[in-house]
Amino acid sequence: ASGIRFSFVIMRWYRQAPGKQRELVAQVTGGGVT
């Protein structure tokens, strides 16, 4: 990531399979809570 105050930002991974809606996989807070 660039252009953000990364350590303050919740980050997430999503995925989208063919023909399906995008879904949340996981998230992590700036402090590492998952």
Full PDB file with SEQRES, HELIX, SHEET, SSBOND, CRYST1, ORIGX, SCALE, CONECT and MASTER records, all heavy atoms in Angstrom:
SEQRES   1 A   34  ALA SER GLY ILE ARG PHE SER PHE VAL ILE MET ARG TRP          
SEQRES   2 A   34  TYR ARG GLN ALA PRO GLY LYS GLN ARG GLU LEU VAL ALA          
SEQRES   3 A   34  GLN VAL THR GLY GLY GLY VAL THR                              
HELIX    1 AA1 PHE A    6  PHE A    8  5                                   3    
SHEET    1 AA1 2 MET A  11  ARG A  15  0                                        
SHEET    2 AA1 2 GLU A  23  VAL A  28 -1                                        
CRYST1    1.000    1.000    1.000  90.00  90.00  90.00 P 1           1          
ORIGX1      1.000000  0.000000  0.000000        0.00000                         
ORIGX2      0.000000  1.000000  0.000000        0.00000                         
ORIGX3      0.000000  0.000000  1.000000        0.00000                         
SCALE1      1.000000  0.000000  0.000000        0.00000                         
SCALE2      0.000000  1.000000  0.000000        0.00000                         
SCALE3      0.000000  0.000000  1.000000        0.00000                         
ATOM      1  N   ALA A   1       0.831  -1.207   0.000  1.00  0.00           N  
ATOM      2  CA  ALA A   1       0.000   0.000   0.000  1.00  0.00           C  
ATOM      3  C   ALA A   1       0.862   1.252   0.000  1.00  0.00           C  
ATOM      4  O   ALA A   1       1.958   1.272   0.578  1.00  0.00           O  
ATOM      5  CB  ALA A   1      -0.903   0.003   1.226  1.00  0.00           C  
ATOM      6  N   SER A   2       0.360   2.277  -0.643  1.00  0.00           N  
ATOM      7  CA  SER A   2       1.002   3.584  -0.609  1.00  0.00           C  
ATOM      8  C   SER A   2      -0.076   4.653  -0.629  1.00  0.00           C  
ATOM      9  O   SER A   2      -1.206   4.411  -1.067  1.00  0.00           O  
ATOM     10  CB  SER A   2       1.963   3.770  -1.785  1.00  0.00           C  
ATOM     11  OG  SER A   2       1.276   3.637  -3.008  1.00  0.00           O  
ATOM     12  N   GLY A   3       0.271   5.831  -0.096  1.00  0.00           N  
ATOM     13  CA  GLY A   3      -0.674   6.945  -0.103  1.00  0.00           C  
ATOM     14  C   GLY A   3      -1.653   6.945   1.043  1.00  0.00           C  
ATOM     15  O   GLY A   3      -2.605   7.739   1.050  1.00  0.00           O  
ATOM     16  N   ILE A   4      -1.474   6.045   2.017  1.00  0.00           N  
ATOM     17  CA  ILE A   4      -2.332   5.987   3.190  1.00  0.00           C  
ATOM     18  C   ILE A   4      -1.468   5.873   4.431  1.00  0.00           C  
ATOM     19  O   ILE A   4      -0.301   5.495   4.356  1.00  0.00           O  
ATOM     20  CB  ILE A   4      -3.308   4.785   3.141  1.00  0.00           C  
ATOM     21  CG1 ILE A   4      -2.545   3.445   3.068  1.00  0.00           C  
ATOM     22  CG2 ILE A   4      -4.274   4.924   1.980  1.00  0.00           C  
ATOM     23  CD1 ILE A   4      -3.441   2.221   3.135  1.00  0.00           C  
ATOM     24  N   ARG A   5      -2.061   6.232   5.575  1.00  0.00           N  
ATOM     25  CA  ARG A   5      -1.359   6.043   6.850  1.00  0.00           C  
ATOM     26  C   ARG A   5      -1.572   4.598   7.279  1.00  0.00           C  
ATOM     27  O   ARG A   5      -2.416   4.281   8.109  1.00  0.00           O  
ATOM     28  CB  ARG A   5      -1.874   7.032   7.875  1.00  0.00           C  
ATOM     29  CG  ARG A   5      -1.612   8.483   7.491  1.00  0.00           C  
ATOM     30  CD  ARG A   5      -2.044   9.438   8.571  1.00  0.00           C  
ATOM     31  NE  ARG A   5      -1.190   9.341   9.759  1.00  0.00           N  
ATOM     32  CZ  ARG A   5      -1.418   9.993  10.891  1.00  0.00           C  
ATOM     33  NH1 ARG A   5      -2.477  10.773  11.005  1.00  0.00           N  
ATOM     34  NH2 ARG A   5      -0.608   9.868  11.914  1.00  0.00           N  
ATOM     35  N   PHE A   6      -0.775   3.752   6.704  1.00  0.00           N  
ATOM     36  CA  PHE A   6      -1.028   2.318   6.702  1.00  0.00           C  
ATOM     37  C   PHE A   6      -1.260   1.760   8.095  1.00  0.00           C  
ATOM     38  O   PHE A   6      -2.174   0.968   8.298  1.00  0.00           O  
ATOM     39  CB  PHE A   6       0.140   1.592   6.030  1.00  0.00           C  
ATOM     40  CG  PHE A   6      -0.061   0.120   5.900  1.00  0.00           C  
ATOM     41  CD1 PHE A   6      -0.850  -0.397   4.880  1.00  0.00           C  
ATOM     42  CD2 PHE A   6       0.542  -0.763   6.786  1.00  0.00           C  
ATOM     43  CE1 PHE A   6      -1.045  -1.769   4.749  1.00  0.00           C  
ATOM     44  CE2 PHE A   6       0.369  -2.126   6.663  1.00  0.00           C  
ATOM     45  CZ  PHE A   6      -0.434  -2.636   5.641  1.00  0.00           C  
ATOM     46  N   SER A   7      -0.474   2.162   9.059  1.00  0.00           N  
ATOM     47  CA  SER A   7      -0.561   1.543  10.384  1.00  0.00           C  
ATOM     48  C   SER A   7      -1.876   1.869  11.096  1.00  0.00           C  
ATOM     49  O   SER A   7      -2.200   1.241  12.100  1.00  0.00           O  
ATOM     50  CB  SER A   7       0.621   1.966  11.250  1.00  0.00           C  
ATOM     51  OG  SER A   7       0.619   3.368  11.429  1.00  0.00           O  
ATOM     52  N   PHE A   8      -2.625   2.827  10.563  1.00  0.00           N  
ATOM     53  CA  PHE A   8      -3.896   3.196  11.159  1.00  0.00           C  
ATOM     54  C   PHE A   8      -5.094   2.565  10.443  1.00  0.00           C  
ATOM     55  O   PHE A   8      -6.231   2.754  10.862  1.00  0.00           O  
ATOM     56  CB  PHE A   8      -4.073   4.720  11.135  1.00  0.00           C  
ATOM     57  CG  PHE A   8      -3.137   5.444  12.044  1.00  0.00           C  
ATOM     58  CD1 PHE A   8      -1.891   5.847  11.585  1.00  0.00           C  
ATOM     59  CD2 PHE A   8      -3.484   5.723  13.342  1.00  0.00           C  
ATOM     60  CE1 PHE A   8      -1.007   6.516  12.421  1.00  0.00           C  
ATOM     61  CE2 PHE A   8      -2.623   6.394  14.185  1.00  0.00           C  
ATOM     62  CZ  PHE A   8      -1.383   6.799  13.721  1.00  0.00           C  
ATOM     63  N   VAL A   9      -4.826   1.827   9.388  1.00  0.00           N  
ATOM     64  CA  VAL A   9      -5.880   1.415   8.471  1.00  0.00           C  
ATOM     65  C   VAL A   9      -6.225  -0.056   8.630  1.00  0.00           C  
ATOM     66  O   VAL A   9      -5.321  -0.904   8.663  1.00  0.00           O  
ATOM     67  CB  VAL A   9      -5.455   1.697   7.010  1.00  0.00           C  
ATOM     68  CG1 VAL A   9      -6.529   1.226   6.032  1.00  0.00           C  
ATOM     69  CG2 VAL A   9      -5.200   3.178   6.827  1.00  0.00           C  
ATOM     70  N   ILE A  10      -7.527  -0.362   8.714  1.00  0.00           N  
ATOM     71  CA  ILE A  10      -7.966  -1.749   8.641  1.00  0.00           C  
ATOM     72  C   ILE A  10      -7.775  -2.227   7.207  1.00  0.00           C  
ATOM     73  O   ILE A  10      -8.221  -1.571   6.260  1.00  0.00           O  
ATOM     74  CB  ILE A  10      -9.440  -1.892   9.065  1.00  0.00           C  
ATOM     75  CG1 ILE A  10      -9.589  -1.582  10.564  1.00  0.00           C  
ATOM     76  CG2 ILE A  10      -9.976  -3.276   8.745  1.00  0.00           C  
ATOM     77  CD1 ILE A  10     -11.030  -1.548  11.039  1.00  0.00           C  
ATOM     78  N   MET A  11      -7.146  -3.370   7.063  1.00  0.00           N  
ATOM     79  CA  MET A  11      -6.913  -3.964   5.749  1.00  0.00           C  
ATOM     80  C   MET A  11      -7.683  -5.268   5.635  1.00  0.00           C  
ATOM     81  O   MET A  11      -7.783  -6.029   6.609  1.00  0.00           O  
ATOM     82  CB  MET A  11      -5.428  -4.228   5.533  1.00  0.00           C  
ATOM     83  CG  MET A  11      -4.558  -2.975   5.581  1.00  0.00           C  
ATOM     84  SD  MET A  11      -4.918  -1.811   4.266  1.00  0.00           S  
ATOM     85  CE  MET A  11      -4.469  -2.778   2.815  1.00  0.00           C  
ATOM     86  N   ARG A  12      -8.219  -5.511   4.471  1.00  0.00           N  
ATOM     87  CA  ARG A  12      -9.010  -6.717   4.251  1.00  0.00           C  
ATOM     88  C   ARG A  12      -8.576  -7.417   2.968  1.00  0.00           C  
ATOM     89  O   ARG A  12      -8.057  -6.790   2.049  1.00  0.00           O  
ATOM     90  CB  ARG A  12     -10.496  -6.371   4.123  1.00  0.00           C  
ATOM     91  CG  ARG A  12     -11.089  -5.716   5.350  1.00  0.00           C  
ATOM     92  CD  ARG A  12     -12.602  -5.601   5.214  1.00  0.00           C  
ATOM     93  NE  ARG A  12     -13.189  -5.011   6.414  1.00  0.00           N  
ATOM     94  CZ  ARG A  12     -13.839  -3.859   6.422  1.00  0.00           C  
ATOM     95  NH1 ARG A  12     -13.997  -3.164   5.317  1.00  0.00           N  
ATOM     96  NH2 ARG A  12     -14.334  -3.393   7.544  1.00  0.00           N  
ATOM     97  N   TRP A  13      -8.806  -8.708   2.941  1.00  0.00           N  
ATOM     98  CA  TRP A  13      -8.738  -9.502   1.719  1.00  0.00           C  
ATOM     99  C   TRP A  13     -10.151  -9.985   1.402  1.00  0.00           C  
ATOM    100  O   TRP A  13     -10.856 -10.493   2.284  1.00  0.00           O  
ATOM    101  CB  TRP A  13      -7.821 -10.704   1.872  1.00  0.00           C  
ATOM    102  CG  TRP A  13      -6.372 -10.369   1.866  1.00  0.00           C  
ATOM    103  CD1 TRP A  13      -5.539 -10.238   2.940  1.00  0.00           C  
ATOM    104  CD2 TRP A  13      -5.554 -10.146   0.703  1.00  0.00           C  
ATOM    105  NE1 TRP A  13      -4.269  -9.932   2.535  1.00  0.00           N  
ATOM    106  CE2 TRP A  13      -4.247  -9.880   1.156  1.00  0.00           C  
ATOM    107  CE3 TRP A  13      -5.802 -10.153  -0.665  1.00  0.00           C  
ATOM    108  CZ2 TRP A  13      -3.192  -9.611   0.289  1.00  0.00           C  
ATOM    109  CZ3 TRP A  13      -4.756  -9.897  -1.519  1.00  0.00           C  
ATOM    110  CH2 TRP A  13      -3.460  -9.626  -1.046  1.00  0.00           C  
ATOM    111  N   TYR A  14     -10.523  -9.809   0.143  1.00  0.00           N  
ATOM    112  CA  TYR A  14     -11.762 -10.336  -0.393  1.00  0.00           C  
ATOM    113  C   TYR A  14     -11.406 -11.278  -1.541  1.00  0.00           C  
ATOM    114  O   TYR A  14     -10.290 -11.251  -2.068  1.00  0.00           O  
ATOM    115  CB  TYR A  14     -12.645  -9.219  -0.951  1.00  0.00           C  
ATOM    116  CG  TYR A  14     -13.297  -8.330   0.066  1.00  0.00           C  
ATOM    117  CD1 TYR A  14     -12.595  -7.284   0.655  1.00  0.00           C  
ATOM    118  CD2 TYR A  14     -14.629  -8.515   0.430  1.00  0.00           C  
ATOM    119  CE1 TYR A  14     -13.197  -6.451   1.593  1.00  0.00           C  
ATOM    120  CE2 TYR A  14     -15.246  -7.682   1.358  1.00  0.00           C  
ATOM    121  CZ  TYR A  14     -14.523  -6.657   1.927  1.00  0.00           C  
ATOM    122  OH  TYR A  14     -15.129  -5.827   2.845  1.00  0.00           O  
ATOM    123  N   ARG A  15     -12.390 -12.058  -1.947  1.00  0.00           N  
ATOM    124  CA  ARG A  15     -12.206 -12.866  -3.152  1.00  0.00           C  
ATOM    125  C   ARG A  15     -13.514 -12.921  -3.918  1.00  0.00           C  
ATOM    126  O   ARG A  15     -14.595 -12.788  -3.344  1.00  0.00           O  
ATOM    127  CB  ARG A  15     -11.700 -14.260  -2.811  1.00  0.00           C  
ATOM    128  CG  ARG A  15     -12.721 -15.169  -2.141  1.00  0.00           C  
ATOM    129  CD  ARG A  15     -12.094 -16.504  -1.805  1.00  0.00           C  
ATOM    130  NE  ARG A  15     -13.061 -17.449  -1.285  1.00  0.00           N  
ATOM    131  CZ  ARG A  15     -12.753 -18.671  -0.855  1.00  0.00           C  
ATOM    132  NH1 ARG A  15     -11.489 -19.093  -0.879  1.00  0.00           N  
ATOM    133  NH2 ARG A  15     -13.693 -19.471  -0.404  1.00  0.00           N  
ATOM    134  N   GLN A  16     -13.367 -13.144  -5.217  1.00  0.00           N  
ATOM    135  CA  GLN A  16     -14.536 -13.269  -6.078  1.00  0.00           C  
ATOM    136  C   GLN A  16     -14.297 -14.401  -7.065  1.00  0.00           C  
ATOM    137  O   GLN A  16     -13.397 -14.321  -7.911  1.00  0.00           O  
ATOM    138  CB  GLN A  16     -14.836 -11.970  -6.821  1.00  0.00           C  
ATOM    139  CG  GLN A  16     -16.141 -12.000  -7.579  1.00  0.00           C  
ATOM    140  CD  GLN A  16     -16.591 -10.620  -8.014  1.00  0.00           C  
ATOM    141  OE1 GLN A  16     -15.823  -9.669  -8.060  1.00  0.00           O  
ATOM    142  NE2 GLN A  16     -17.885 -10.487  -8.319  1.00  0.00           N  
ATOM    143  N   ALA A  17     -15.101 -15.431  -6.920  1.00  0.00           N  
ATOM    144  CA  ALA A  17     -15.033 -16.569  -7.826  1.00  0.00           C  
ATOM    145  C   ALA A  17     -15.933 -16.302  -9.026  1.00  0.00           C  
ATOM    146  O   ALA A  17     -16.875 -15.507  -8.940  1.00  0.00           O  
ATOM    147  CB  ALA A  17     -15.472 -17.837  -7.102  1.00  0.00           C  
ATOM    148  N   PRO A  18     -15.674 -16.966 -10.133  1.00  0.00           N  
ATOM    149  CA  PRO A  18     -16.494 -16.754 -11.340  1.00  0.00           C  
ATOM    150  C   PRO A  18     -17.974 -16.991 -11.047  1.00  0.00           C  
ATOM    151  O   PRO A  18     -18.354 -18.016 -10.469  1.00  0.00           O  
ATOM    152  CB  PRO A  18     -15.955 -17.789 -12.318  1.00  0.00           C  
ATOM    153  CG  PRO A  18     -14.551 -18.036 -11.869  1.00  0.00           C  
ATOM    154  CD  PRO A  18     -14.579 -17.920 -10.379  1.00  0.00           C  
ATOM    155  N   GLY A  19     -18.795 -16.027 -11.419  1.00  0.00           N  
ATOM    156  CA  GLY A  19     -20.233 -16.160 -11.247  1.00  0.00           C  
ATOM    157  C   GLY A  19     -20.733 -15.976  -9.833  1.00  0.00           C  
ATOM    158  O   GLY A  19     -21.920 -16.189  -9.560  1.00  0.00           O  
ATOM    159  N   LYS A  20     -19.844 -15.582  -8.924  1.00  0.00           N  
ATOM    160  CA  LYS A  20     -20.242 -15.414  -7.522  1.00  0.00           C  
ATOM    161  C   LYS A  20     -19.975 -13.985  -7.052  1.00  0.00           C  
ATOM    162  O   LYS A  20     -19.211 -13.247  -7.670  1.00  0.00           O  
ATOM    163  CB  LYS A  20     -19.500 -16.412  -6.636  1.00  0.00           C  
ATOM    164  CG  LYS A  20     -19.843 -17.859  -6.917  1.00  0.00           C  
ATOM    165  CD  LYS A  20     -19.247 -18.774  -5.867  1.00  0.00           C  
ATOM    166  CE  LYS A  20     -19.666 -20.210  -6.096  1.00  0.00           C  
ATOM    167  NZ  LYS A  20     -19.102 -21.120  -5.062  1.00  0.00           N  
ATOM    168  N   GLN A  21     -20.609 -13.640  -5.943  1.00  0.00           N  
ATOM    169  CA  GLN A  21     -20.380 -12.319  -5.365  1.00  0.00           C  
ATOM    170  C   GLN A  21     -19.027 -12.263  -4.667  1.00  0.00           C  
ATOM    171  O   GLN A  21     -18.492 -13.285  -4.219  1.00  0.00           O  
ATOM    172  CB  GLN A  21     -21.489 -12.008  -4.350  1.00  0.00           C  
ATOM    173  CG  GLN A  21     -22.839 -11.726  -4.976  1.00  0.00           C  
ATOM    174  CD  GLN A  21     -23.850 -11.220  -3.965  1.00  0.00           C  
ATOM    175  OE1 GLN A  21     -23.797 -11.578  -2.785  1.00  0.00           O  
ATOM    176  NE2 GLN A  21     -24.774 -10.386  -4.403  1.00  0.00           N  
ATOM    177  N   ARG A  22     -18.507 -11.066  -4.579  1.00  0.00           N  
ATOM    178  CA  ARG A  22     -17.274 -10.867  -3.840  1.00  0.00           C  
ATOM    179  C   ARG A  22     -17.538 -11.121  -2.353  1.00  0.00           C  
ATOM    180  O   ARG A  22     -18.560 -10.684  -1.816  1.00  0.00           O  
ATOM    181  CB  ARG A  22     -16.764  -9.438  -4.052  1.00  0.00           C  
ATOM    182  CG  ARG A  22     -15.351  -9.203  -3.598  1.00  0.00           C  
ATOM    183  CD  ARG A  22     -14.838  -7.855  -4.066  1.00  0.00           C  
ATOM    184  NE  ARG A  22     -14.761  -7.781  -5.522  1.00  0.00           N  
ATOM    185  CZ  ARG A  22     -14.187  -6.769  -6.181  1.00  0.00           C  
ATOM    186  NH1 ARG A  22     -13.651  -5.757  -5.499  1.00  0.00           N  
ATOM    187  NH2 ARG A  22     -14.166  -6.753  -7.488  1.00  0.00           N  
ATOM    188  N   GLU A  23     -16.623 -11.845  -1.707  1.00  0.00           N  
ATOM    189  CA  GLU A  23     -16.821 -12.180  -0.303  1.00  0.00           C  
ATOM    190  C   GLU A  23     -15.587 -11.832   0.518  1.00  0.00           C  
ATOM    191  O   GLU A  23     -14.451 -11.910   0.029  1.00  0.00           O  
ATOM    192  CB  GLU A  23     -17.159 -13.669  -0.133  1.00  0.00           C  
ATOM    193  CG  GLU A  23     -16.082 -14.623  -0.590  1.00  0.00           C  
ATOM    194  CD  GLU A  23     -16.415 -16.082  -0.315  1.00  0.00           C  
ATOM    195  OE1 GLU A  23     -17.306 -16.369   0.509  1.00  0.00           O  
ATOM    196  OE2 GLU A  23     -15.750 -16.958  -0.928  1.00  0.00           O  
ATOM    197  N   LEU A  24     -15.834 -11.492   1.768  1.00  0.00           N  
ATOM    198  CA  LEU A  24     -14.744 -11.180   2.683  1.00  0.00           C  
ATOM    199  C   LEU A  24     -14.010 -12.469   3.070  1.00  0.00           C  
ATOM    200  O   LEU A  24     -14.636 -13.466   3.411  1.00  0.00           O  
ATOM    201  CB  LEU A  24     -15.291 -10.503   3.935  1.00  0.00           C  
ATOM    202  CG  LEU A  24     -14.282 -10.205   5.041  1.00  0.00           C  
ATOM    203  CD1 LEU A  24     -13.272  -9.162   4.593  1.00  0.00           C  
ATOM    204  CD2 LEU A  24     -15.000  -9.760   6.305  1.00  0.00           C  
ATOM    205  N   VAL A  25     -12.706 -12.409   3.024  1.00  0.00           N  
ATOM    206  CA  VAL A  25     -11.877 -13.529   3.478  1.00  0.00           C  
ATOM    207  C   VAL A  25     -11.406 -13.276   4.907  1.00  0.00           C  
ATOM    208  O   VAL A  25     -11.617 -14.096   5.796  1.00  0.00           O  
ATOM    209  CB  VAL A  25     -10.670 -13.730   2.549  1.00  0.00           C  
ATOM    210  CG1 VAL A  25      -9.756 -14.821   3.088  1.00  0.00           C  
ATOM    211  CG2 VAL A  25     -11.127 -14.045   1.128  1.00  0.00           C  
ATOM    212  N   ALA A  26     -10.778 -12.118   5.107  1.00  0.00           N  
ATOM    213  CA  ALA A  26     -10.207 -11.820   6.415  1.00  0.00           C  
ATOM    214  C   ALA A  26      -9.896 -10.336   6.511  1.00  0.00           C  
ATOM    215  O   ALA A  26      -9.795  -9.656   5.488  1.00  0.00           O  
ATOM    216  CB  ALA A  26      -8.923 -12.623   6.650  1.00  0.00           C  
ATOM    217  N   GLN A  27      -9.748  -9.857   7.741  1.00  0.00           N  
ATOM    218  CA  GLN A  27      -9.312  -8.485   7.936  1.00  0.00           C  
ATOM    219  C   GLN A  27      -8.346  -8.415   9.112  1.00  0.00           C  
ATOM    220  O   GLN A  27      -8.310  -9.309   9.973  1.00  0.00           O  
ATOM    221  CB  GLN A  27     -10.481  -7.538   8.173  1.00  0.00           C  
ATOM    222  CG  GLN A  27     -11.073  -7.560   9.562  1.00  0.00           C  
ATOM    223  CD  GLN A  27     -12.043  -6.407   9.797  1.00  0.00           C  
ATOM    224  OE1 GLN A  27     -12.689  -5.899   8.870  1.00  0.00           O  
ATOM    225  NE2 GLN A  27     -12.158  -5.974  11.047  1.00  0.00           N  
ATOM    226  N   VAL A  28      -7.532  -7.354   9.109  1.00  0.00           N  
ATOM    227  CA  VAL A  28      -6.599  -7.130  10.205  1.00  0.00           C  
ATOM    228  C   VAL A  28      -6.574  -5.641  10.505  1.00  0.00           C  
ATOM    229  O   VAL A  28      -6.506  -4.809   9.602  1.00  0.00           O  
ATOM    230  CB  VAL A  28      -5.189  -7.677   9.861  1.00  0.00           C  
ATOM    231  CG1 VAL A  28      -4.604  -7.019   8.621  1.00  0.00           C  
ATOM    232  CG2 VAL A  28      -4.245  -7.550  11.044  1.00  0.00           C  
ATOM    233  N   THR A  29      -6.650  -5.308  11.782  1.00  0.00           N  
ATOM    234  CA  THR A  29      -6.581  -3.912  12.188  1.00  0.00           C  
ATOM    235  C   THR A  29      -5.130  -3.442  12.200  1.00  0.00           C  
ATOM    236  O   THR A  29      -4.193  -4.241  12.081  1.00  0.00           O  
ATOM    237  CB  THR A  29      -7.179  -3.701  13.578  1.00  0.00           C  
ATOM    238  OG1 THR A  29      -6.315  -4.334  14.545  1.00  0.00           O  
ATOM    239  CG2 THR A  29      -8.572  -4.276  13.687  1.00  0.00           C  
ATOM    240  N   GLY A  30      -4.962  -2.151  12.376  1.00  0.00           N  
ATOM    241  CA  GLY A  30      -3.614  -1.610  12.444  1.00  0.00           C  
ATOM    242  C   GLY A  30      -2.798  -2.218  13.574  1.00  0.00           C  
ATOM    243  O   GLY A  30      -1.580  -2.363  13.462  1.00  0.00           O  
ATOM    244  N   GLY A  31      -3.481  -2.602  14.642  1.00  0.00           N  
ATOM    245  CA  GLY A  31      -2.815  -3.204  15.784  1.00  0.00           C  
ATOM    246  C   GLY A  31      -2.665  -4.703  15.703  1.00  0.00           C  
ATOM    247  O   GLY A  31      -2.128  -5.322  16.622  1.00  0.00           O  
ATOM    248  N   GLY A  32      -3.150  -5.284  14.613  1.00  0.00           N  
ATOM    249  CA  GLY A  32      -2.949  -6.711  14.386  1.00  0.00           C  
ATOM    250  C   GLY A  32      -4.085  -7.614  14.813  1.00  0.00           C  
ATOM    251  O   GLY A  32      -3.932  -8.841  14.790  1.00  0.00           O  
ATOM    252  N   VAL A  33      -5.219  -7.041  15.184  1.00  0.00           N  
ATOM    253  CA  VAL A  33      -6.367  -7.881  15.539  1.00  0.00           C  
ATOM    254  C   VAL A  33      -6.991  -8.411  14.254  1.00  0.00           C  
ATOM    255  O   VAL A  33      -7.241  -7.654  13.319  1.00  0.00           O  
ATOM    256  CB  VAL A  33      -7.396  -7.083  16.348  1.00  0.00           C  
ATOM    257  CG1 VAL A  33      -8.625  -7.939  16.634  1.00  0.00           C  
ATOM    258  CG2 VAL A  33      -6.777  -6.581  17.648  1.00  0.00           C  
ATOM    259  N   THR A  34      -7.239  -9.696  14.228  1.00  0.00           N  
ATOM    260  CA  THR A  34      -7.697 -10.332  12.999  1.00  0.00           C  
ATOM    261  C   THR A  34      -9.137 -10.832  13.112  1.00  0.00           C  
ATOM    262  O   THR A  34      -9.648 -11.092  14.204  1.00  0.00           O  
ATOM    263  CB  THR A  34      -6.800 -11.524  12.636  1.00  0.00           C  
ATOM    264  OG1 THR A  34      -6.795 -12.455  13.723  1.00  0.00           O  
ATOM    265  CG2 THR A  34      -5.381 -11.071  12.356  1.00  0.00           C  
TER     266      THR A  34                                                      
MASTER        0    0    0    1    2    0    0    6  265    1    0    3          
END                                                                             
